[in-house]
Amino acid sequence: MRKNDHIDFAKHCFEDAAFALIKKKPLSKVSVSEICAEAGFSRASFYRYFDSPEAPLASKVRDITARYLSDEGNRFNFEHSRESVIILFHHLLDYKDIGLLFEKAGCLDIVGAEFERGFVFNHLKEEERLRWAFVGAGLFRVYSEWVKSGLDKSPESLAEILFGGEFPLLKNSQ
C-alpha cells in the first residue's frame, strides 16, 4: 500500500466513523475519542488529518463539492440563474440522506460553510465576493429550509418559488 493510499484509507475511516456516530446522537455530543474508537485509529492519527469532530464531516462535504464543481456545466451562471439553481438543487437532492442526517445531528452549518467556500472564496475582486456571498448565503438558507421540510419540493418547484410569481426574488434572464 502506498503512503497516499494509507492516508486516504485513514481519512475515509474517520469520515465514516463520524457519520456513524451522528446517526446515533448530535454532533455536539460526539468526541474525538469516540470517532477514533469507531474508526479503529489513535487520537494521534486523527489529529494528523483533522482538528475537530466536525472536520471529517466537512472533509466529506468538500469532496462532494469538488465532484460537483469538476463538471463545468455545474458552475453557477448569472446569465442562466434559474437553470443553475435547478442543477445545484438536483445535486443536493442526490445527497438527500446527508442533508437530513446533518439537520438531525445539528450540523447543517457544515454545509453552509461549504456554500460560502464554494461560492465566495474563488473570487478575488471585492465586488465579485460580495455578489457571490449574497448568492451563496441565500441559496444555503433556501437549502436549509428545504432540508427542514424534509426536501418535500422538487428543484424545479424551488426555482419557481425563487424566480416566478408576481415578485420574483431572483432575476430570471431566460
Protein backbone atom coordinates (compact mmCIF):
# COMPACT_ATOMS: atom_id res chain seq x y z
CA MET A 1 0.00 0.00 0.00
CA ARG A 2 1.38 3.41 -0.99
CA LYS A 3 1.56 6.14 1.65
CA ASN A 4 -1.21 8.16 -0.04
CA ASP A 5 -3.45 5.09 -0.06
CA HIS A 6 -2.95 4.75 3.70
CA ILE A 7 -3.74 8.44 4.21
CA ASP A 8 -6.89 8.18 2.10
CA PHE A 9 -7.91 5.00 3.94
CA ALA A 10 -7.42 6.58 7.36
CA LYS A 11 -9.29 9.76 6.38
CA HIS A 12 -12.18 7.73 4.98
CA CYS A 13 -12.30 5.66 8.16
CA PHE A 14 -12.56 8.82 10.26
CA GLU A 15 -15.23 10.24 7.94
CA ASP A 16 -17.24 7.01 8.09
CA ALA A 17 -16.88 6.88 11.87
CA ALA A 18 -18.10 10.45 12.30
CA PHE A 19 -21.09 9.72 10.04
CA ALA A 20 -21.90 6.56 12.01
CA LEU A 21 -21.80 8.46 15.30
CA ILE A 22 -24.02 11.36 14.19
CA LYS A 23 -26.63 8.80 13.20
CA LYS A 24 -26.86 8.00 16.92
CA LYS A 25 -26.53 11.43 18.53
CA PRO A 26 -25.98 15.12 17.80
CA LEU A 27 -22.53 16.14 16.65
CA SER A 28 -22.18 18.34 19.75
CA LYS A 29 -22.16 15.13 21.82
CA VAL A 30 -19.54 13.34 19.66
CA SER A 31 -15.94 13.36 20.85
CA VAL A 32 -12.69 12.80 19.01
CA SER A 33 -12.10 9.75 21.23
CA GLU A 34 -15.40 8.23 20.07
CA ILE A 35 -14.54 8.87 16.41
CA CYS A 36 -11.14 7.23 16.93
CA ALA A 37 -12.63 4.20 18.66
CA GLU A 38 -15.23 3.81 15.90
CA ALA A 39 -12.55 4.21 13.18
CA GLY A 40 -10.00 1.95 14.85
CA PHE A 41 -7.25 4.56 14.85
CA SER A 42 -5.44 6.53 17.55
CA ARG A 43 -6.10 10.14 18.52
CA ALA A 44 -2.64 10.99 17.16
CA SER A 45 -3.70 9.62 13.78
CA PHE A 46 -6.91 11.64 13.92
CA TYR A 47 -5.05 14.88 14.64
CA ARG A 48 -2.68 14.18 11.76
CA TYR A 49 -5.62 14.81 9.41
CA PHE A 50 -8.30 16.68 11.36
CA ASP A 51 -8.61 19.21 14.17
CA SER A 52 -12.17 18.67 15.47
CA PRO A 53 -15.10 16.25 15.40
CA GLU A 54 -16.66 18.43 12.65
CA ALA A 55 -13.62 18.18 10.39
CA PRO A 56 -14.16 14.65 8.99
CA LEU A 57 -17.73 15.59 8.07
CA ALA A 58 -16.55 18.82 6.44
CA SER A 59 -13.93 16.84 4.53
CA LYS A 60 -16.62 14.60 3.07
CA VAL A 61 -18.75 17.63 2.11
CA ARG A 62 -15.70 19.22 0.41
CA ASP A 63 -15.19 16.00 -1.59
CA ILE A 64 -18.83 16.09 -2.70
CA THR A 65 -18.50 19.76 -3.68
CA ALA A 66 -15.30 19.07 -5.61
CA ARG A 67 -17.05 16.33 -7.61
CA TYR A 68 -19.92 18.72 -8.35
CA LEU A 69 -17.64 21.58 -9.41
CA SER A 70 -15.44 19.31 -11.54
CA ASP A 71 -18.27 19.32 -14.09
CA GLU A 72 -18.01 22.68 -15.87
CA GLY A 73 -21.75 22.56 -16.57
CA ASN A 74 -22.42 22.83 -12.83
CA ARG A 75 -20.82 26.27 -12.43
CA PHE A 76 -23.33 28.86 -11.27
CA ASN A 77 -24.08 31.20 -14.14
CA PHE A 78 -25.87 34.51 -13.54
CA GLU A 79 -26.99 34.58 -17.16
CA HIS A 80 -28.82 31.31 -16.59
CA SER A 81 -29.63 31.62 -12.89
CA ARG A 82 -32.82 29.54 -12.92
CA GLU A 83 -31.09 26.61 -14.62
CA SER A 84 -28.08 26.93 -12.31
CA VAL A 85 -30.34 26.76 -9.25
CA ILE A 86 -32.12 23.69 -10.61
CA ILE A 87 -28.81 21.93 -11.33
CA LEU A 88 -27.47 22.80 -7.85
CA PHE A 89 -30.59 21.61 -6.05
CA HIS A 90 -30.70 18.37 -8.07
CA HIS A 91 -27.12 17.77 -6.94
CA LEU A 92 -28.09 18.45 -3.33
CA LEU A 93 -31.08 16.15 -3.69
CA ASP A 94 -28.68 13.38 -4.76
CA TYR A 95 -27.23 13.72 -1.24
CA LYS A 96 -30.59 13.95 0.49
CA ASP A 97 -29.60 11.46 3.21
CA ILE A 98 -26.59 13.55 4.19
CA GLY A 99 -28.63 16.75 4.37
CA LEU A 100 -31.30 15.12 6.52
CA LEU A 101 -28.67 13.49 8.74
CA PHE A 102 -26.80 16.78 9.23
CA GLU A 103 -30.06 18.55 10.10
CA LYS A 104 -30.94 15.87 12.66
CA ALA A 105 -27.41 15.95 14.12
CA GLY A 106 -27.41 19.75 14.37
CA CYS A 107 -24.54 20.26 11.97
CA LEU A 108 -26.10 21.62 8.79
CA ASP A 109 -23.82 24.65 9.27
CA ILE A 110 -21.01 22.46 7.87
CA VAL A 111 -22.82 22.57 4.53
CA GLY A 112 -23.30 26.34 4.97
CA ALA A 113 -19.57 26.81 5.35
CA GLU A 114 -19.06 24.84 2.15
CA PHE A 115 -21.59 27.04 0.33
CA GLU A 116 -19.55 30.05 1.45
CA ARG A 117 -16.27 28.46 0.45
CA GLY A 118 -17.59 27.25 -2.88
CA PHE A 119 -19.38 30.43 -3.88
CA VAL A 120 -17.25 33.18 -2.36
CA PHE A 121 -13.61 32.25 -1.88
CA ASN A 122 -12.93 31.59 -5.56
CA HIS A 123 -13.41 35.27 -6.41
CA LEU A 124 -10.62 37.77 -5.98
CA LYS A 125 -12.36 41.08 -6.64
CA GLU A 126 -14.32 42.53 -3.73
CA GLU A 127 -17.45 43.23 -5.78
CA GLU A 128 -17.47 39.63 -7.03
CA ARG A 129 -17.00 38.28 -3.50
CA LEU A 130 -19.92 40.41 -2.27
CA ARG A 131 -22.18 39.25 -5.08
CA TRP A 132 -21.28 35.62 -4.54
CA ALA A 133 -21.61 35.97 -0.75
CA PHE A 134 -25.18 37.16 -1.29
CA VAL A 135 -25.98 34.29 -3.66
CA GLY A 136 -24.25 31.61 -1.56
CA ALA A 137 -25.83 32.67 1.72
CA GLY A 138 -29.26 33.00 0.16
CA LEU A 139 -29.11 29.62 -1.55
CA PHE A 140 -27.85 27.97 1.63
CA ARG A 141 -30.77 29.48 3.54
CA VAL A 142 -33.19 28.09 0.94
CA TYR A 143 -31.42 24.72 1.18
CA SER A 144 -31.62 24.78 4.98
CA GLU A 145 -35.36 25.46 4.93
CA TRP A 146 -35.81 22.79 2.25
CA VAL A 147 -33.99 20.22 4.39
CA LYS A 148 -36.04 21.18 7.47
CA SER A 149 -39.20 20.49 5.45
CA GLY A 150 -37.87 17.04 4.51
CA LEU A 151 -36.84 18.08 0.97
CA ASP A 152 -40.51 17.91 0.05
CA LYS A 153 -40.31 20.05 -3.10
CA SER A 154 -38.59 19.38 -6.39
CA PRO A 155 -35.66 21.55 -7.50
CA GLU A 156 -37.92 22.87 -10.25
CA SER A 157 -40.52 23.89 -7.65
CA LEU A 158 -37.85 25.72 -5.66
CA ALA A 159 -36.72 27.55 -8.79
CA GLU A 160 -40.33 28.57 -9.47
CA ILE A 161 -40.60 29.98 -5.95
CA LEU A 162 -37.35 31.93 -6.38
CA PHE A 163 -37.88 33.13 -9.95
CA GLY A 164 -41.59 33.04 -10.60
CA GLY A 165 -44.67 34.75 -9.30
CA GLU A 166 -45.55 38.41 -9.04
CA PHE A 167 -42.39 39.36 -7.09
CA PRO A 168 -39.54 37.11 -8.17
CA LEU A 169 -36.68 37.05 -5.71
CA LEU A 170 -34.02 36.45 -8.33
CA LYS A 171 -33.64 37.84 -11.82
CA ASN A 172 -34.53 35.29 -14.45
CA SER A 173 -32.72 36.17 -17.66
CA GLN A 174 -34.37 33.34 -19.57
